[in-house]
Every structure is written in C-alpha cells, then in structure tokens.
C-alpha cells in the first residue's frame, strides 16, 4: 500500500510539473509576439513619417512654383509700366538718342529747384486759431462842440480805426490791449468781435510813453454767443525772434475789417520815434496799413510776439504812409509787465521827471541864431530835481547820459527807466558873455 501511494505522489508531482511548463510556455510566446508586434509598429511609423515628409516636400515644391510665377508676373508688370511711358514719349518727342538740329526749350520741375528753406506757406490754420482773439476798434473823437460852443448847434466827431488783442478776462470785464494812439482822446469806443457783434468799451489804463493802452468791456454787455466765439490770445517771447523769421500780421486794415498779411522780420531793435517818444521796435515787411495799429504780430506757432504800432512814412502817419515794406511792431517782451499792470488796474510809473518845460532849439527860431542843438529850458518847477540840481532858465540840455539830445524823446527815454534815488548826468550849454559854454550837471531824483 505504501508503494502504491508513493507512485501516486510521483504521478501527481509529474503532472504538476508538466502543467507548470505548459503555463510558462505561453508567457514566453507572448513576450516574443509582443516584441515582433513592437518591431512591426516602429517600422510602420517610420514608413508613415517618410510618407508625410514626401507630402510636405511636394507641397513646398508647389508653393515655390507659385512664388516663382508671381515674381515673374511682377517683373513683367514692371517692364510694361516702364516701357509704355517710354514708348509714348518717343512717339511724341522722337527718339532721344537721335541727334536733332531743331532746338527745344528746356523745362524743369519747379519743385526740384526750390532751395532749402524757401516755401510757399499756408498760414490758414494759425489764423483760424488766433482770429477769435483779435478785435476791430472804432474811436469816435469830438472835434467840435457846435458852432458857438456846447448846446449851440450839432457836435462834430471824427472816427478812427484800430485793432486790439484780447489778453484777459476777469469776473466782470473782458480786457483788450491796443496802442495808446488808437484810443487817444476818445469820446466813444466801440469794439467789434469776430462774429461782427459790436459792444461799447472804456479805457482802463494807458502808457503814452510806450504807446500801450488797455480797454475794458463789461461781461454783462456781451451776449453768450459772442463769449463762446472769442478767445484769449497766447503771448510769445519776442526775445527769441531772429532776422528772417516768418511773421503774420492781423488787424483791421483801413477800417474794412480783419485782414491778414505775412512777411519776415526785417530788423530788430529799430529805434522809432512817435510823438516825441523813441522806442525799440521790430521791423517787418508785412503790410501794415492804417487800422492795423494795435493788432497782433504772430510767430509761426500763433503766439503774439508784437503789437503792430506804426508804418514808417515820410510824414510819420501810419494812415497816410507813402513808403512800402516797412512796418513796425512793439516787442511783446518789452511790455509784458506793463500790460499785466494795466489789466489789473495798477498804477504805473512813467519814470522820473526833471520838472522842466521848454522846446528843442533845432526847431523854430533857434536854428537861425546858431544856438546849440538841445532842449531849451523855459521854465523850472520849484523843488523839482532840476531846481535842486541848480539848472536855470535859459540853459540848454545838449547831452543826457553821454548821448546827444536831438529830440525830446531822447530825454524822455532816459527818464523812463529812472526812479527815486537814481542819478543822471546832463551836459548843459549856457550863455557866458557873447558865447555859449558847457558844463556837466549831476541830477538826483
């Protein structure tokens, strides 16, 4: 029995062993099959990539062919565009390479021959922007109170035209700068704005010495539409001007309404005498006619660099000028502080005073009697600077601060810049026997 059992165990063991082998064989077979499948998949992938590369290359070749075709078409179009005008030119003018005996006029393009810096300038944009800040001024001056005085007969007036620049606005007033000679002796002043509305104005402050005046209009007298249509001008710096700079002049020329002229700065610091006052001015070649006085001189940015003041003429009248191309403007930088004082209602100083009265010896009878050229003192105010310095009636001021006195303006120009405590030197001619002698006199204000 025992032997039989052992055989059974061995048989069972052998069967289990064979079963294990059977179970192991499929695993090895699966691994080998997986490897083969993997190798096949990689080969398939490589073949797929090769096919994709071939497709890309075909597409590139097609696009290159299209690009080449496009380039050829562009070249052909360029050749056609060039050849057609040339052919037409030859038809009209003949072959240029063939010598001709007939002379032809030579034409050149104007734009190719304009030197640098010379242009035809359009200033319309600048003018459109600044024009609302410019006004026309009418000055009505009483010249007669009637045939036999006030209340007898009709009063007679004369009208003068000028221009102005809107420079400020307070809570109650619109403020306009102009020339003193525009508003001088005015009985009535009327201001016309860009929308042709006219409003009465009054003088707020003046500087006769600098030919500057500020006039004011009550805001309550100006309607809303007019207030919306006007603007305040922008001030520039006249010290930056150079000879040759382009300028624009705007003003009420001859009283016909606002007009515009252009030109260049012809000269700077020109001494111009108006009503015995001499000032340094900007000389321009832009047309300045009667009525332009008080108007704006603008730079290319539309900034006010000057106030048009007078036109040089043989008789000194801007309204009856006989010499063309010589206009003058007050440099704005010279009067900025003055204008600021005037629009704010502050008192201004017109300089020191000598306390004398008299006349120039180069005018009237003095010329005939070989009297030295200068200012003849005909009267002295008691306690004045001249009185304290020992000046006497009959003295002639021939020089002031080393400069010859050839007009009253020569004295006034020096006095304008002086204040209390300042000192000046005068050269005086006085009678000694039958001749004139000279001496220097120190005057303290």
Protein backbone atom coordinates (compact mmCIF):
# COMPACT_ATOMS: atom_id res chain seq x y z
CA UNK A 1 0.00 0.00 0.00
CA UNK A 2 2.76 2.26 0.82
CA UNK A 3 4.43 1.68 -2.51
CA UNK A 4 1.27 2.50 -4.41
CA UNK A 5 0.81 5.72 -2.59
CA UNK A 6 4.32 6.79 -3.46
CA UNK A 7 3.68 6.20 -7.13
CA UNK A 8 0.58 8.30 -6.96
CA UNK A 9 2.52 11.10 -5.38
CA UNK A 10 5.13 10.94 -8.07
CA UNK A 11 2.48 10.84 -10.75
CA UNK A 12 0.78 13.86 -9.25
CA UNK A 13 4.09 15.66 -8.95
CA UNK A 14 4.96 14.95 -12.59
CA UNK A 15 1.59 16.21 -13.72
CA UNK A 16 2.01 19.40 -11.76
CA UNK A 17 5.46 19.87 -13.21
CA UNK A 18 4.19 19.41 -16.74
CA UNK A 19 1.36 21.85 -16.05
CA UNK A 20 3.87 24.43 -14.86
CA UNK A 21 5.81 24.04 -18.09
CA UNK A 22 2.65 24.44 -20.08
CA UNK A 23 1.80 27.61 -18.15
CA UNK A 24 5.30 29.09 -18.65
CA UNK A 25 5.45 28.44 -22.39
CA UNK A 26 2.60 30.84 -23.27
CA UNK A 27 4.29 33.67 -21.33
CA UNK A 28 7.48 33.36 -23.34
CA UNK A 29 5.47 33.11 -26.54
CA UNK A 30 3.52 36.28 -25.60
CA UNK A 31 6.77 38.16 -24.98
CA UNK A 32 8.18 37.14 -28.32
CA UNK A 33 4.96 38.05 -30.07
CA UNK A 34 4.91 41.47 -28.34
CA UNK A 35 8.47 42.13 -29.49
CA UNK A 36 7.59 41.23 -33.04
CA UNK A 37 4.48 43.43 -32.94
CA UNK A 38 6.53 46.31 -31.50
CA UNK A 39 9.13 46.00 -34.24
CA UNK A 40 6.39 45.94 -36.85
CA UNK A 41 4.76 49.08 -35.32
CA UNK A 42 8.08 51.04 -35.39
CA UNK A 43 8.62 50.06 -39.00
CA UNK A 44 5.09 51.22 -39.80
CA UNK A 45 5.71 54.53 -38.02
CA UNK A 46 8.91 55.09 -39.98
CA UNK A 47 7.11 54.37 -43.20
CA UNK A 48 4.36 56.85 -42.18
CA UNK A 49 6.88 59.57 -41.40
CA UNK A 50 8.56 59.01 -44.73
CA UNK A 51 5.20 59.41 -46.45
CA UNK A 52 4.49 62.64 -44.52
CA UNK A 53 7.91 64.06 -45.47
CA UNK A 54 7.24 63.24 -49.10
CA UNK A 55 3.88 65.04 -48.89
CA UNK A 56 5.49 68.16 -47.29
CA UNK A 57 8.19 68.25 -49.96
CA UNK A 58 5.53 68.05 -52.67
CA UNK A 59 3.64 70.99 -51.07
CA UNK A 60 6.85 73.05 -50.83
CA UNK A 61 7.63 72.39 -54.47
CA UNK A 62 4.13 73.50 -55.46
CA UNK A 63 4.34 76.72 -53.33
CA UNK A 64 7.81 77.50 -54.71
CA UNK A 65 6.47 77.14 -58.22
CA UNK A 66 3.59 79.53 -57.38
CA UNK A 67 6.00 82.06 -55.82
CA UNK A 68 8.25 81.92 -58.87
CA UNK A 69 5.22 82.50 -61.10
CA UNK A 70 4.17 85.52 -59.01
CA UNK A 71 7.70 87.03 -59.14
CA UNK A 72 7.76 86.58 -62.93
CA UNK A 73 4.35 88.30 -63.22
CA UNK A 74 5.53 91.26 -61.08
CA UNK A 75 8.68 91.64 -63.20
CA UNK A 76 6.60 91.58 -66.38
CA UNK A 77 4.24 94.25 -64.96
CA UNK A 78 7.19 96.49 -64.06
CA UNK A 79 8.64 96.11 -67.55
CA UNK A 80 5.27 97.00 -69.08
CA UNK A 81 4.85 100.06 -66.80
CA UNK A 82 8.29 101.35 -67.77
CA UNK A 83 8.09 100.57 -71.46
CA UNK A 84 4.68 102.19 -72.09
CA UNK A 85 5.63 105.77 -70.95
CA UNK A 86 8.97 105.50 -72.77
CA UNK A 87 7.19 104.39 -75.93
CA UNK A 88 4.67 107.22 -75.65
CA UNK A 89 7.49 109.72 -75.06
CA UNK A 90 9.28 108.52 -78.18
CA UNK A 91 6.04 108.79 -80.16
CA UNK A 92 5.52 112.39 -79.00
CA UNK A 93 9.12 113.56 -78.99
CA UNK A 94 11.04 111.19 -81.20
CA UNK A 95 13.98 109.00 -80.30
CA UNK A 96 16.13 110.95 -77.80
CA UNK A 97 19.27 109.14 -78.94
CA UNK A 98 18.96 110.55 -82.44
CA UNK A 99 20.64 113.95 -82.94
CA UNK A 100 18.25 116.73 -83.91
CA UNK A 101 19.07 120.07 -85.45
CA UNK A 102 15.94 121.75 -84.03
CA UNK A 103 16.45 123.33 -80.61
CA UNK A 104 13.94 122.62 -77.91
CA UNK A 105 13.03 124.69 -74.87
CA UNK A 106 14.24 123.15 -71.63
CA UNK A 107 11.66 122.57 -68.92
CA UNK A 108 12.43 121.60 -65.34
CA UNK A 109 10.27 120.63 -62.43
CA UNK A 110 9.93 123.68 -60.19
CA UNK A 111 9.78 121.61 -57.02
CA UNK A 112 13.20 120.11 -57.78
CA UNK A 113 14.83 123.53 -57.93
CA UNK A 114 13.48 125.23 -54.81
CA UNK A 115 16.39 125.74 -52.40
CA UNK A 116 16.10 124.51 -48.83
CA UNK A 117 14.21 126.88 -46.51
CA UNK A 118 12.10 128.58 -49.19
CA UNK A 119 8.47 127.57 -49.09
CA UNK A 120 5.03 128.84 -50.07
CA UNK A 121 3.47 128.88 -46.62
CA UNK A 122 -0.13 128.23 -45.76
CA UNK A 123 -0.96 130.11 -42.54
CA UNK A 124 -4.70 129.45 -42.60
CA UNK A 125 -4.63 127.07 -39.62
CA UNK A 126 -2.73 129.57 -37.45
CA UNK A 127 -5.01 132.43 -38.50
CA UNK A 128 -8.16 130.40 -37.88
CA UNK A 129 -6.96 129.63 -34.37
CA UNK A 130 -5.95 133.20 -33.45
CA UNK A 131 -8.56 135.31 -35.25
CA UNK A 132 -11.17 134.95 -32.46
CA UNK A 133 -8.72 136.82 -30.17
CA UNK A 134 -8.46 139.86 -32.48
CA UNK A 135 -10.96 142.74 -32.45
CA UNK A 136 -11.62 145.86 -34.51
CA UNK A 137 -11.76 149.16 -32.61
CA UNK A 138 -13.55 152.34 -33.66
CA UNK A 139 -12.60 155.57 -31.90
CA UNK A 140 -15.06 158.45 -32.12
CA UNK A 141 -13.40 161.75 -31.16
CA UNK A 142 -15.19 165.02 -30.56
CA UNK A 143 -13.70 167.79 -32.68
CA UNK A 144 -16.36 170.48 -32.27
CA UNK A 145 -18.99 171.34 -29.64
CA UNK A 146 -21.19 173.14 -32.14
CA UNK A 147 -20.93 176.44 -33.93
CA UNK A 148 -20.97 178.60 -30.79
CA UNK A 149 -19.95 176.14 -28.07
CA UNK A 150 -21.75 173.41 -26.11
CA UNK A 151 -25.50 173.43 -26.58
CA UNK A 152 -25.38 175.56 -29.71
CA UNK A 153 -25.51 173.56 -32.91
CA UNK A 154 -24.63 169.90 -33.55
CA UNK A 155 -21.48 168.29 -32.15
CA UNK A 156 -18.99 167.08 -34.74
CA UNK A 157 -16.99 163.89 -34.41
CA UNK A 158 -14.24 162.16 -36.32
CA UNK A 159 -13.77 158.41 -36.40
CA UNK A 160 -10.55 156.45 -36.35
CA UNK A 161 -9.98 152.72 -36.88
CA UNK A 162 -7.67 150.43 -35.00
CA UNK A 163 -7.23 146.87 -33.77
CA UNK A 164 -6.89 145.11 -30.44
CA UNK A 165 -5.92 141.80 -28.87
CA UNK A 166 -7.97 140.03 -26.20
CA UNK A 167 -5.48 139.38 -23.39
CA UNK A 168 -7.57 138.59 -20.34
CA UNK A 169 -10.92 138.17 -18.64
CA UNK A 170 -11.83 138.95 -15.04
CA UNK A 171 -15.05 138.19 -13.19
CA UNK A 172 -16.62 141.33 -14.59
CA UNK A 173 -14.57 142.52 -17.58
CA UNK A 174 -13.07 141.44 -20.89
CA UNK A 175 -9.65 143.09 -21.32
CA UNK A 176 -8.10 144.14 -24.63
CA UNK A 177 -4.66 145.61 -25.34
CA UNK A 178 -4.08 148.08 -28.16
CA UNK A 179 -1.99 151.17 -28.97
CA UNK A 180 -2.38 154.37 -26.98
CA UNK A 181 -2.68 156.40 -30.16
CA UNK A 182 -5.68 154.24 -31.20
CA UNK A 183 -7.74 155.34 -28.18
CA UNK A 184 -6.20 158.76 -27.56
CA UNK A 185 -8.81 161.50 -26.86
CA UNK A 186 -11.64 159.02 -27.45
CA UNK A 187 -15.15 160.25 -26.72
CA UNK A 188 -16.61 156.86 -27.60
CA UNK A 189 -15.01 153.46 -28.16
CA UNK A 190 -16.67 150.55 -29.95
CA UNK A 191 -15.23 147.04 -30.23
CA UNK A 192 -16.30 144.59 -32.95
CA UNK A 193 -15.73 140.88 -32.36
CA UNK A 194 -15.17 138.05 -34.84
CA UNK A 195 -18.94 137.40 -35.09
CA UNK A 196 -19.49 141.06 -36.14
CA UNK A 197 -21.17 141.97 -32.83
CA UNK A 198 -20.19 145.45 -31.61
CA UNK A 199 -20.02 146.50 -27.95
CA UNK A 200 -19.06 149.75 -26.21
CA UNK A 201 -15.75 149.84 -24.35
CA UNK A 202 -13.88 152.16 -21.99
CA UNK A 203 -10.21 152.92 -21.36
CA UNK A 204 -8.83 151.12 -18.31
CA UNK A 205 -5.21 152.32 -18.37
CA UNK A 206 -2.58 153.73 -20.72
CA UNK A 207 1.14 154.28 -21.14
CA UNK A 208 1.68 157.12 -23.57
CA UNK A 209 5.43 156.59 -23.28
CA UNK A 210 5.19 153.01 -24.60
CA UNK A 211 2.15 153.62 -26.86
CA UNK A 212 0.19 150.95 -24.97
CA UNK A 213 -3.42 151.04 -23.76
CA UNK A 214 -5.81 148.56 -22.19
CA UNK A 215 -9.55 148.90 -22.76
CA UNK A 216 -12.30 147.02 -20.93
CA UNK A 217 -15.77 145.72 -21.78
CA UNK A 218 -18.31 144.67 -19.16
CA UNK A 219 -19.07 140.98 -19.45
CA UNK A 220 -22.71 141.78 -18.80
CA UNK A 221 -22.75 143.72 -22.10
CA UNK A 222 -21.55 140.71 -24.13
CA UNK A 223 -24.06 138.07 -25.18
CA UNK A 224 -23.44 134.36 -24.66
CA UNK A 225 -22.89 133.57 -28.35
CA UNK A 226 -20.16 136.20 -28.56
CA UNK A 227 -18.46 134.98 -25.39
CA UNK A 228 -18.42 131.47 -26.84
CA UNK A 229 -16.94 132.64 -30.15
CA UNK A 230 -13.97 134.61 -28.77
CA UNK A 231 -10.78 133.51 -27.06
CA UNK A 232 -7.79 134.91 -25.19
CA UNK A 233 -4.55 135.27 -27.17
CA UNK A 234 -1.38 133.39 -26.22
CA UNK A 235 1.69 135.53 -25.61
CA UNK A 236 5.06 134.57 -27.08
CA UNK A 237 8.65 135.68 -26.47
CA UNK A 238 9.87 138.38 -28.83
CA UNK A 239 13.42 137.96 -27.48
CA UNK A 240 13.59 134.67 -29.41
CA UNK A 241 12.97 136.36 -32.77
CA UNK A 242 15.69 136.36 -35.41
CA UNK A 243 16.04 138.39 -38.58
CA UNK A 244 14.42 136.37 -41.35
CA UNK A 245 11.82 134.65 -39.16
CA UNK A 246 8.38 134.42 -40.75
CA UNK A 247 5.63 136.51 -39.13
CA UNK A 248 1.88 137.06 -39.56
CA UNK A 249 0.13 140.40 -39.05
CA UNK A 250 -3.60 140.54 -38.28
CA UNK A 251 -5.58 143.74 -37.97
CA UNK A 252 -8.45 145.97 -39.03
CA UNK A 253 -6.70 147.33 -42.12
CA UNK A 254 -8.10 150.73 -43.19
CA UNK A 255 -11.20 150.00 -41.12
CA UNK A 256 -12.51 147.46 -43.64
CA UNK A 257 -12.43 144.57 -41.16
CA UNK A 258 -9.93 141.96 -40.12
CA UNK A 259 -7.29 141.05 -42.69
CA UNK A 260 -4.09 139.03 -42.72
CA UNK A 261 -0.66 139.77 -44.18
CA UNK A 262 2.56 137.79 -43.96
CA UNK A 263 6.23 138.62 -44.15
CA UNK A 264 9.53 138.28 -42.32
CA UNK A 265 11.41 140.05 -39.57
CA UNK A 266 13.49 142.62 -41.46
CA UNK A 267 15.37 144.02 -38.44
CA UNK A 268 15.33 144.05 -34.65
CA UNK A 269 15.76 146.88 -32.12
CA UNK A 270 14.95 149.61 -34.64
CA UNK A 271 14.61 152.99 -32.91
CA UNK A 272 11.33 154.58 -33.95
CA UNK A 273 10.07 157.92 -32.66
CA UNK A 274 6.33 158.53 -32.34
CA UNK A 275 5.03 161.74 -30.73
CA UNK A 276 8.48 162.56 -29.31
CA UNK A 277 8.84 159.09 -27.72
CA UNK A 278 11.51 156.78 -29.07
CA UNK A 279 11.12 153.02 -28.66
CA UNK A 280 12.90 149.95 -29.96
CA UNK A 281 10.70 148.16 -32.46
CA UNK A 282 10.56 145.04 -34.62
CA UNK A 283 10.80 145.97 -38.31
CA UNK A 284 8.80 143.74 -40.65
CA UNK A 285 7.97 143.72 -44.35
CA UNK A 286 4.39 142.53 -43.83
CA UNK A 287 1.97 145.21 -44.98
CA UNK A 288 0.85 147.46 -42.10
CA UNK A 289 -1.84 149.95 -43.04
CA UNK A 290 -3.93 152.47 -41.15
CA UNK A 291 -6.21 150.48 -38.83
CA UNK A 292 -3.63 147.71 -38.28
CA UNK A 293 -2.28 149.59 -35.26
CA UNK A 294 -2.96 147.61 -32.09
CA UNK A 295 -3.26 144.33 -33.98
CA UNK A 296 -1.22 141.19 -33.40
CA UNK A 297 2.12 140.22 -34.85
CA UNK A 298 2.34 136.42 -34.65
CA UNK A 299 5.08 133.85 -34.97
CA UNK A 300 4.59 130.53 -36.78
CA UNK A 301 3.07 129.00 -33.63
CA UNK A 302 0.34 131.63 -33.47
CA UNK A 303 1.85 133.31 -30.40
CA UNK A 304 1.74 137.11 -30.08
CA UNK A 305 5.31 138.39 -30.38
CA UNK A 306 4.48 142.01 -31.12
CA UNK A 307 1.80 144.70 -31.25
CA UNK A 308 1.60 146.38 -34.65
CA UNK A 309 2.16 150.05 -33.95
CA UNK A 310 3.03 152.18 -36.94
CA UNK A 311 4.13 152.23 -40.53
CA UNK A 312 7.17 154.27 -41.41
CA UNK A 313 6.34 157.12 -43.75
CA UNK A 314 7.64 160.49 -44.81
CA UNK A 315 5.06 162.29 -42.69
CA UNK A 316 5.05 159.85 -39.76
CA UNK A 317 1.38 158.92 -40.19
CA UNK A 318 0.50 155.23 -40.37
CA UNK A 319 -2.75 156.13 -42.10
CA UNK A 320 -1.07 158.04 -44.94
CA UNK A 321 2.09 156.02 -45.43
CA UNK A 322 3.98 156.53 -48.67
CA UNK A 323 6.83 154.05 -48.19
CA UNK A 324 6.07 150.36 -48.66
CA UNK A 325 7.56 147.34 -46.94
CA UNK A 326 8.49 148.96 -43.62
CA UNK A 327 6.09 148.08 -40.82
CA UNK A 328 6.88 148.20 -37.11
CA UNK A 329 5.67 146.37 -34.02
CA UNK A 330 6.27 146.79 -30.31
CA UNK A 331 8.16 143.71 -28.98
CA UNK A 332 5.76 141.93 -26.62
CA UNK A 333 8.54 141.00 -24.19
CA UNK A 334 9.27 144.71 -23.65
CA UNK A 335 5.73 145.46 -22.46
CA UNK A 336 4.51 142.22 -20.83
CA UNK A 337 4.89 143.56 -17.30
CA UNK A 338 3.34 146.87 -18.27
CA UNK A 339 0.29 145.16 -19.81
CA UNK A 340 -0.08 142.96 -16.71
CA UNK A 341 -0.13 146.07 -14.50
CA UNK A 342 -2.67 147.79 -16.72
CA UNK A 343 -5.14 144.90 -16.92
CA UNK A 344 -5.00 144.60 -13.13
CA UNK A 345 -5.73 148.29 -12.68
CA UNK A 346 -2.39 149.00 -11.02
CA UNK A 347 -0.72 152.39 -11.17
CA UNK A 348 2.25 152.51 -13.49
CA UNK A 349 5.30 154.68 -13.37
CA UNK A 350 6.27 156.58 -16.47
CA UNK A 351 9.71 157.18 -14.99
CA UNK A 352 11.32 160.11 -13.21
CA UNK A 353 10.72 163.78 -14.05
CA UNK A 354 13.12 166.71 -14.20
CA UNK A 355 10.45 169.34 -13.55
CA UNK A 356 11.21 171.49 -16.57
CA UNK A 357 9.40 172.80 -19.63
CA UNK A 358 10.73 174.21 -22.88
CA UNK A 359 11.40 173.31 -26.51
CA UNK A 360 14.00 171.96 -28.88
CA UNK A 361 16.40 174.57 -30.34
CA UNK A 362 16.69 172.72 -33.65
CA UNK A 363 13.10 173.73 -34.32
CA UNK A 364 11.80 177.26 -35.00
CA UNK A 365 13.95 180.34 -34.36
CA UNK A 366 16.82 178.53 -32.65
CA UNK A 367 18.15 177.28 -35.98
CA UNK A 368 18.67 180.81 -37.30
CA UNK A 369 20.77 182.13 -34.39
CA UNK A 370 23.41 179.40 -34.16
CA UNK A 371 22.04 178.19 -30.86
CA UNK A 372 23.44 174.80 -29.72
CA UNK A 373 21.17 171.87 -30.52
CA UNK A 374 19.36 170.67 -27.43
CA UNK A 375 16.41 171.23 -25.12
CA UNK A 376 15.99 174.89 -24.13
CA UNK A 377 14.73 175.27 -20.54
CA UNK A 378 11.94 177.87 -20.48
CA UNK A 379 10.54 177.01 -17.04
CA UNK A 380 11.52 175.10 -13.87
CA UNK A 381 9.19 173.72 -11.20
CA UNK A 382 10.16 174.84 -7.72
CA UNK A 383 11.54 171.99 -5.62
CA UNK A 384 11.94 169.69 -8.63
CA UNK A 385 15.03 167.61 -9.39
CA UNK A 386 16.17 170.24 -11.92
CA UNK A 387 15.71 173.04 -9.38
CA UNK A 388 17.69 171.18 -6.71
CA UNK A 389 20.49 170.46 -9.23
CA UNK A 390 20.89 174.20 -9.95
CA UNK A 391 19.58 174.27 -13.52
CA UNK A 392 18.45 177.70 -14.72
CA UNK A 393 16.06 179.11 -17.26
CA UNK A 394 17.97 179.63 -20.50
CA UNK A 395 20.17 176.55 -20.05
CA UNK A 396 20.23 174.14 -22.98
CA UNK A 397 20.49 170.40 -22.33
CA UNK A 398 22.74 169.16 -25.16
CA UNK A 399 23.53 165.69 -23.78
CA UNK A 400 22.00 163.22 -21.32
CA UNK A 401 23.97 160.27 -20.03
CA UNK A 402 26.57 160.85 -22.75
CA UNK A 403 24.02 160.78 -25.61
CA UNK A 404 23.21 163.82 -27.75
CA UNK A 405 19.80 165.38 -27.30
CA UNK A 406 18.25 165.78 -30.74
CA UNK A 407 14.61 165.37 -29.70
CA UNK A 408 12.50 165.50 -26.56
CA UNK A 409 12.25 161.74 -26.85
CA UNK A 410 15.99 161.40 -26.19
CA UNK A 411 15.42 162.87 -22.72
CA UNK A 412 12.19 161.01 -22.07
CA UNK A 413 13.73 157.65 -22.97
CA UNK A 414 16.39 158.03 -20.28
CA UNK A 415 13.95 159.32 -17.66
CA UNK A 416 11.53 156.43 -18.25
CA UNK A 417 13.92 153.91 -16.68
CA UNK A 418 14.79 156.09 -13.67
CA UNK A 419 13.23 156.12 -10.21
CA UNK A 420 13.64 158.00 -6.92
CA UNK A 421 17.26 157.96 -5.75
CA UNK A 422 18.74 157.46 -9.24
CA UNK A 423 21.22 159.97 -10.66
CA UNK A 424 21.86 161.16 -14.22
CA UNK A 425 24.48 163.38 -15.84
CA UNK A 426 23.49 166.28 -18.10
CA UNK A 427 25.69 168.39 -20.32
CA UNK A 428 24.47 171.99 -20.26
CA UNK A 429 25.20 174.89 -22.64
CA UNK A 430 24.82 178.30 -21.02
CA UNK A 431 25.45 181.88 -22.10
CA UNK A 432 28.67 183.46 -20.91
CA UNK A 433 29.12 186.91 -22.40
CA UNK A 434 28.61 186.55 -26.12
CA UNK A 435 29.20 182.84 -26.35
CA UNK A 436 27.94 179.53 -25.09
CA UNK A 437 29.99 177.49 -22.68
CA UNK A 438 29.41 173.92 -21.48
CA UNK A 439 29.34 172.19 -18.12
CA UNK A 440 28.19 168.93 -16.62
CA UNK A 441 25.45 168.78 -14.00
CA UNK A 442 24.50 165.84 -11.79
CA UNK A 443 20.75 165.46 -11.18
CA UNK A 444 19.37 163.21 -8.45
CA UNK A 445 15.70 162.21 -8.42
